[in-house]
Amino acid sequence: MSGDAVRLVEVGPRDGLQNEPRVLPVETRIGLIERLVAAGLRHLEVGAFVSPRWVPQMAGCDQLMRCLAPLPGVIYSALVPNERGLDLALESGCREVAVFAAASEAFSQRNINCSIAESLERFAPVLSKAQAAGVEVRGYVSCALGCPFTGDVALADVVRVSSSLYRMGCYEVSLGDTVGTGTPRKTKALIEACASEMPVTALAGHFHDTYGMAIANLYAALEGGVRAFDSSVSGLGGCPYSPGATGNVATEDVVYLLGELGMRTGVKLEALVDAGSFIDQELDRPTASRAARAIIARRGRMGQRMS
């Protein structure tokens, strides 16, 4: 695997912050995004065009999107739940959007109040309109390795939803371990099953770290040929439907692992740790990244020696 390039999709500003209890102003969220870009991240999911009544952490997404300076090679994407969300995204100048479905019927009903089939029907006009506007669409599949309500999810169900999104026009489908109960063995089987129906190059991994398996699952997916992964700076986030669920795998930990494997991400780890420290201070929380904790501790020791 040495020498391969891996594309990271930084989801902390959206998937991370929307599951943190503190609501941050738009200016602070922009400050985080700017620091992440300065650290070398080039694909960032920065918000969601959803009702602030339901997700107050994402209020002002249109303002945020308009304030972000366009930069060569940098993608700012946003989640859209329906056509109304897409319209708002297009009005704000967004050039990539994401849609989300679940592999679990129970989760789909609890999360978006409709069946899986109904959710896919809802996304068809979203993809058509986005494609007509020249906007790329990325897909998410929640509960790919387990559901908080029903437990195990059949691989056939994940494959069916993932391949449906791909056939509808999603250029990439991110397989989400929403609950964080996945293991490397299950992850390997998941990648193999989905790659039997769509190109492995169109698959991405999205692993939450509830049971401490996120980095191991990411490595298993990497061995299976996946070269795109979602990650969240400082391990921000969680899942409101899964008590105890933690955030997505920490970007710092992913960058450290990939660097040790000789794989290219273009991300500067030290600057990334600084971006994580910035948002942790704003949220009054400790970092969930083991790599960041080690680097911060090392800096402290070096400072003591110099004083």
Protein backbone atom coordinates (compact mmCIF):
# COMPACT_ATOMS: atom_id res chain seq x y z
CA MET A 1 0.00 0.00 0.00
CA SER A 2 3.02 2.29 0.36
CA GLY A 3 2.99 5.38 -1.84
CA ASP A 4 -0.75 5.43 -2.48
CA ALA A 5 -2.74 8.65 -2.14
CA VAL A 6 -5.74 8.71 0.18
CA ARG A 7 -8.45 11.38 0.02
CA LEU A 8 -9.84 12.54 3.34
CA VAL A 9 -13.26 14.14 3.64
CA GLU A 10 -13.25 16.29 6.78
CA VAL A 11 -16.73 16.07 8.30
CA GLY A 12 -16.04 17.75 11.65
CA PRO A 13 -17.69 21.07 10.69
CA ARG A 14 -20.93 19.22 9.87
CA ASP A 15 -21.24 15.67 11.19
CA GLY A 16 -19.09 16.55 14.18
CA LEU A 17 -20.51 19.89 15.26
CA GLN A 18 -24.14 18.98 14.68
CA ASN A 19 -23.81 16.29 17.35
CA GLU A 20 -22.04 18.48 19.90
CA PRO A 21 -24.34 20.04 22.52
CA ARG A 22 -22.94 23.56 22.24
CA VAL A 23 -24.17 25.72 19.35
CA LEU A 24 -21.34 27.76 17.84
CA PRO A 25 -21.70 31.00 15.87
CA VAL A 26 -21.01 31.03 12.16
CA GLU A 27 -17.80 33.01 12.69
CA THR A 28 -16.33 30.28 14.89
CA ARG A 29 -17.28 27.56 12.42
CA ILE A 30 -15.59 29.55 9.63
CA GLY A 31 -12.51 29.87 11.84
CA LEU A 32 -12.38 26.08 12.18
CA ILE A 33 -12.81 25.51 8.45
CA GLU A 34 -10.08 28.01 7.59
CA ARG A 35 -7.68 26.30 10.00
CA LEU A 36 -8.47 22.89 8.51
CA VAL A 37 -7.82 24.17 4.99
CA ALA A 38 -4.54 25.73 6.17
CA ALA A 39 -3.57 22.29 7.53
CA GLY A 40 -3.94 20.85 4.04
CA LEU A 41 -7.45 19.38 3.95
CA ARG A 42 -9.03 19.83 0.54
CA HIS A 43 -12.48 18.25 0.87
CA LEU A 44 -14.60 19.54 3.73
CA GLU A 45 -18.25 19.01 4.56
CA VAL A 46 -18.98 22.38 6.10
CA GLY A 47 -22.68 22.34 6.90
CA ALA A 48 -26.19 21.07 6.32
CA PHE A 49 -29.17 22.83 4.77
CA VAL A 50 -31.66 21.56 7.32
CA SER A 51 -34.14 23.30 9.55
CA PRO A 52 -32.41 25.03 12.49
CA ARG A 53 -35.45 24.02 14.51
CA TRP A 54 -34.24 20.41 14.33
CA VAL A 55 -30.49 20.98 14.05
CA PRO A 56 -29.67 24.35 15.65
CA GLN A 57 -25.93 23.68 15.32
CA MET A 58 -26.26 24.09 11.54
CA ALA A 59 -28.10 27.42 11.58
CA GLY A 60 -26.67 30.01 9.20
CA CYS A 61 -25.29 27.48 6.74
CA ASP A 62 -26.12 29.77 3.81
CA GLN A 63 -24.20 32.65 5.40
CA LEU A 64 -21.27 30.36 6.15
CA MET A 65 -21.10 29.06 2.59
CA ARG A 66 -21.11 32.56 1.13
CA CYS A 67 -18.30 33.65 3.46
CA LEU A 68 -15.92 30.87 2.48
CA ALA A 69 -13.41 32.10 -0.07
CA PRO A 70 -13.20 29.86 -3.14
CA LEU A 71 -9.76 28.25 -3.28
CA PRO A 72 -8.23 26.15 -6.08
CA GLY A 73 -8.59 22.46 -5.36
CA VAL A 74 -10.73 22.95 -2.24
CA ILE A 75 -14.25 21.47 -2.11
CA TYR A 76 -16.83 22.79 0.36
CA SER A 77 -19.80 20.42 0.44
CA ALA A 78 -23.05 20.41 2.38
CA LEU A 79 -25.69 17.90 3.35
CA VAL A 80 -29.17 18.34 1.85
CA PRO A 81 -32.19 16.29 2.98
CA ASN A 82 -34.55 17.21 0.12
CA GLU A 83 -35.16 19.52 -2.85
CA ARG A 84 -35.70 22.53 -0.59
CA GLY A 85 -32.31 21.94 0.99
CA LEU A 86 -30.74 21.62 -2.45
CA ASP A 87 -32.32 24.89 -3.60
CA LEU A 88 -30.86 26.69 -0.58
CA ALA A 89 -27.46 25.11 -1.23
CA LEU A 90 -27.49 26.20 -4.87
CA GLU A 91 -28.52 29.73 -3.89
CA SER A 92 -25.55 29.95 -1.54
CA GLY A 93 -23.10 28.88 -4.25
CA CYS A 94 -22.50 25.33 -3.01
CA ARG A 95 -20.86 23.16 -5.68
CA GLU A 96 -21.16 19.74 -4.04
CA VAL A 97 -23.92 18.27 -1.90
CA ALA A 98 -24.48 15.02 -0.04
CA VAL A 99 -27.63 12.95 0.50
CA PHE A 100 -28.10 10.29 3.14
CA ALA A 101 -30.04 7.05 3.34
CA ALA A 102 -30.01 4.25 5.90
CA ALA A 103 -29.52 0.53 5.50
CA SER A 104 -31.87 -0.02 8.47
CA GLU A 105 -35.62 0.52 8.15
CA ALA A 106 -35.90 1.34 11.85
CA PHE A 107 -33.17 3.97 11.66
CA SER A 108 -34.66 5.48 8.52
CA GLN A 109 -38.04 5.89 10.21
CA ARG A 110 -36.55 7.40 13.37
CA ASN A 111 -34.07 9.66 11.61
CA ILE A 112 -35.97 10.99 8.58
CA ASN A 113 -39.53 9.71 9.19
CA CYS A 114 -39.83 7.58 6.08
CA SER A 115 -38.93 4.16 4.75
CA ILE A 116 -35.72 3.43 2.87
CA ALA A 117 -37.65 3.16 -0.39
CA GLU A 118 -39.36 6.49 0.23
CA SER A 119 -36.03 8.16 1.03
CA LEU A 120 -34.54 6.97 -2.25
CA GLU A 121 -37.59 8.25 -4.13
CA ARG A 122 -37.15 11.59 -2.38
CA PHE A 123 -33.53 11.81 -3.53
CA ALA A 124 -34.22 11.10 -7.22
CA PRO A 125 -35.31 14.68 -8.08
CA VAL A 126 -32.52 16.05 -5.86
CA LEU A 127 -29.91 14.24 -7.92
CA SER A 128 -31.55 15.20 -11.20
CA LYS A 129 -31.66 18.88 -10.27
CA ALA A 130 -28.11 18.85 -8.90
CA GLN A 131 -26.77 17.20 -12.04
CA ALA A 132 -28.60 19.73 -14.21
CA ALA A 133 -26.90 22.50 -12.19
CA GLY A 134 -23.48 20.89 -12.60
CA VAL A 135 -23.27 20.07 -8.89
CA GLU A 136 -21.77 16.76 -7.79
CA VAL A 137 -23.59 14.54 -5.31
CA ARG A 138 -22.05 12.26 -2.70
CA GLY A 139 -24.09 9.61 -0.91
CA TYR A 140 -24.09 8.36 2.67
CA VAL A 141 -25.42 5.04 3.92
CA SER A 142 -26.03 4.99 7.67
CA CYS A 143 -25.99 1.84 9.81
CA ALA A 144 -23.79 -0.08 7.37
CA LEU A 145 -22.32 -2.09 10.26
CA GLY A 146 -25.17 -2.05 12.75
CA CYS A 147 -28.32 -0.24 13.86
CA PRO A 148 -28.93 1.25 17.33
CA PHE A 149 -32.50 -0.11 17.29
CA THR A 150 -32.27 -3.53 15.64
CA GLY A 151 -28.62 -4.56 15.96
CA ASP A 152 -27.04 -6.32 13.00
CA VAL A 153 -27.89 -5.14 9.49
CA ALA A 154 -27.85 -7.58 6.59
CA LEU A 155 -25.08 -7.01 4.07
CA ALA A 156 -27.63 -7.42 1.27
CA ASP A 157 -29.53 -4.40 2.60
CA VAL A 158 -26.38 -2.26 2.66
CA VAL A 159 -25.46 -3.33 -0.85
CA ARG A 160 -28.95 -2.60 -2.15
CA VAL A 161 -29.04 0.94 -0.76
CA SER A 162 -25.43 1.74 -1.69
CA SER A 163 -25.75 0.51 -5.27
CA SER A 164 -29.07 2.38 -5.63
CA LEU A 165 -27.42 5.67 -4.67
CA TYR A 166 -24.55 4.96 -7.06
CA ARG A 167 -26.88 4.16 -9.95
CA MET A 168 -28.89 7.30 -9.22
CA GLY A 169 -25.76 9.37 -9.81
CA CYS A 170 -23.81 9.65 -6.57
CA TYR A 171 -20.16 9.69 -7.63
CA GLU A 172 -19.16 8.18 -4.28
CA VAL A 173 -20.99 6.34 -1.49
CA SER A 174 -19.72 6.60 2.06
CA LEU A 175 -20.46 3.52 4.18
CA GLY A 176 -21.19 4.65 7.71
CA ASP A 177 -20.64 2.69 10.91
CA THR A 178 -23.05 5.05 12.64
CA VAL A 179 -23.11 3.17 15.95
CA GLY A 180 -19.41 2.33 15.97
CA THR A 181 -19.95 -1.38 16.60
CA GLY A 182 -18.10 -2.59 13.50
CA THR A 183 -14.99 -4.75 13.56
CA PRO A 184 -12.26 -5.29 10.95
CA ARG A 185 -13.72 -8.67 9.98
CA LYS A 186 -17.16 -7.16 9.40
CA THR A 187 -15.65 -4.19 7.61
CA LYS A 188 -13.75 -6.42 5.20
CA ALA A 189 -16.93 -8.36 4.41
CA LEU A 190 -18.83 -5.08 3.92
CA ILE A 191 -16.31 -3.72 1.42
CA GLU A 192 -16.18 -6.99 -0.50
CA ALA A 193 -19.98 -7.17 -0.70
CA CYS A 194 -20.44 -3.59 -1.90
CA ALA A 195 -17.53 -3.84 -4.35
CA SER A 196 -19.30 -6.75 -6.00
CA GLU A 197 -22.03 -4.36 -7.18
CA MET A 198 -20.12 -1.10 -7.72
CA PRO A 199 -16.49 -0.02 -8.20
CA VAL A 200 -14.42 -0.01 -5.02
CA THR A 201 -13.13 3.37 -6.20
CA ALA A 202 -16.65 4.71 -5.64
CA LEU A 203 -16.69 3.60 -1.98
CA ALA A 204 -15.63 5.58 1.08
CA GLY A 205 -15.43 4.63 4.76
CA HIS A 206 -17.10 6.49 7.63
CA PHE A 207 -16.22 4.92 10.98
CA HIS A 208 -17.34 6.03 14.43
CA ASP A 209 -15.13 5.10 17.37
CA THR A 210 -17.61 4.02 20.06
CA TYR A 211 -15.87 0.70 20.73
CA GLY A 212 -12.39 1.91 19.79
CA MET A 213 -12.44 0.09 16.46
CA ALA A 214 -12.57 3.02 14.04
CA ILE A 215 -8.89 3.15 13.12
CA ALA A 216 -8.74 -0.66 12.84
CA ASN A 217 -11.83 -0.67 10.63
CA LEU A 218 -10.33 2.05 8.47
CA TYR A 219 -7.19 -0.05 8.01
CA ALA A 220 -9.32 -3.05 7.03
CA ALA A 221 -11.13 -0.94 4.43
CA LEU A 222 -7.78 0.37 3.22
CA GLU A 223 -6.58 -3.19 2.68
CA GLY A 224 -9.81 -3.82 0.78
CA GLY A 225 -8.94 -1.11 -1.74
CA VAL A 226 -10.86 1.89 -0.34
CA ARG A 227 -8.96 5.15 -0.77
CA ALA A 228 -11.44 7.74 0.54
CA PHE A 229 -12.38 8.18 4.18
CA ASP A 230 -14.48 10.55 6.26
CA SER A 231 -12.87 11.79 9.45
CA SER A 232 -13.60 14.40 12.09
CA VAL A 233 -10.99 16.70 13.60
CA SER A 234 -10.50 15.92 17.29
CA GLY A 235 -13.09 13.12 16.93
CA LEU A 236 -15.98 15.59 17.14
CA GLY A 237 -19.54 14.32 17.21
CA GLY A 238 -21.63 11.29 18.11
CA CYS A 239 -25.07 9.93 17.26
CA PRO A 240 -28.24 11.19 18.99
CA TYR A 241 -29.98 7.84 18.43
CA SER A 242 -27.21 5.73 19.95
CA PRO A 243 -26.44 6.38 23.62
CA GLY A 244 -22.69 6.30 24.20
CA ALA A 245 -21.81 6.60 20.52
CA THR A 246 -18.74 8.74 19.95
CA GLY A 247 -17.71 10.85 17.00
CA ASN A 248 -16.16 9.87 13.72
CA VAL A 249 -12.59 8.62 13.69
CA ALA A 250 -10.28 11.53 14.57
CA THR A 251 -8.60 13.08 11.55
CA GLU A 252 -5.34 13.41 13.50
CA ASP A 253 -5.26 9.66 14.15
CA VAL A 254 -5.97 8.89 10.49
CA VAL A 255 -3.25 11.24 9.25
CA TYR A 256 -0.76 9.73 11.69
CA LEU A 257 -1.57 6.17 10.58
CA LEU A 258 -1.46 6.96 6.88
CA GLY A 259 1.78 8.87 7.26
CA GLU A 260 3.39 5.89 8.97
CA LEU A 261 2.19 3.69 6.10
CA GLY A 262 3.83 5.99 3.56
CA MET A 263 0.49 7.06 2.11
CA ARG A 264 -0.08 10.62 0.94
CA THR A 265 -2.86 12.83 2.35
CA GLY A 266 -1.39 16.31 1.88
CA VAL A 267 -2.30 17.13 5.49
CA LYS A 268 0.17 18.67 7.95
CA LEU A 269 -0.34 16.86 11.25
CA GLU A 270 1.01 19.58 13.55
CA ALA A 271 -1.26 22.23 11.99
CA LEU A 272 -4.17 19.82 12.18
CA VAL A 273 -3.60 19.37 15.92
CA ASP A 274 -3.71 23.16 16.28
CA ALA A 275 -7.06 23.26 14.46
CA GLY A 276 -8.38 20.61 16.82
CA SER A 277 -7.16 22.55 19.86
CA PHE A 278 -8.97 25.64 18.57
CA ILE A 279 -12.35 23.93 18.34
CA ASP A 280 -11.86 22.01 21.59
CA GLN A 281 -11.34 25.30 23.42
CA GLU A 282 -14.49 26.73 21.85
CA LEU A 283 -16.50 23.65 22.89
CA ASP A 284 -14.79 23.26 26.28
CA ARG A 285 -14.02 19.61 25.60
CA PRO A 286 -10.92 17.42 25.60
CA THR A 287 -9.69 16.04 22.30
CA ALA A 288 -10.78 12.51 21.44
CA SER A 289 -7.68 12.03 19.27
CA ARG A 290 -4.97 9.85 20.76
CA ALA A 291 -2.41 11.24 18.31
CA ALA A 292 -3.33 14.81 19.25
CA ARG A 293 -3.04 14.03 22.96
CA ALA A 294 0.42 12.55 22.42
CA ILE A 295 1.61 15.50 20.33
CA ILE A 296 0.26 18.05 22.81
CA ALA A 297 1.95 16.17 25.68
CA ARG A 298 5.23 16.08 23.72
CA ARG A 299 5.02 19.81 23.12
CA GLY A 300 4.51 20.34 26.84
CA ARG A 301 7.60 18.29 27.71
CA MET A 302 9.69 20.18 25.15
CA GLY A 303 8.49 23.48 26.59
CA GLN A 304 9.48 22.42 30.10
CA ARG A 305 12.98 21.48 28.95
CA MET A 306 13.44 24.86 27.27
CA SER A 307 12.23 26.91 30.26
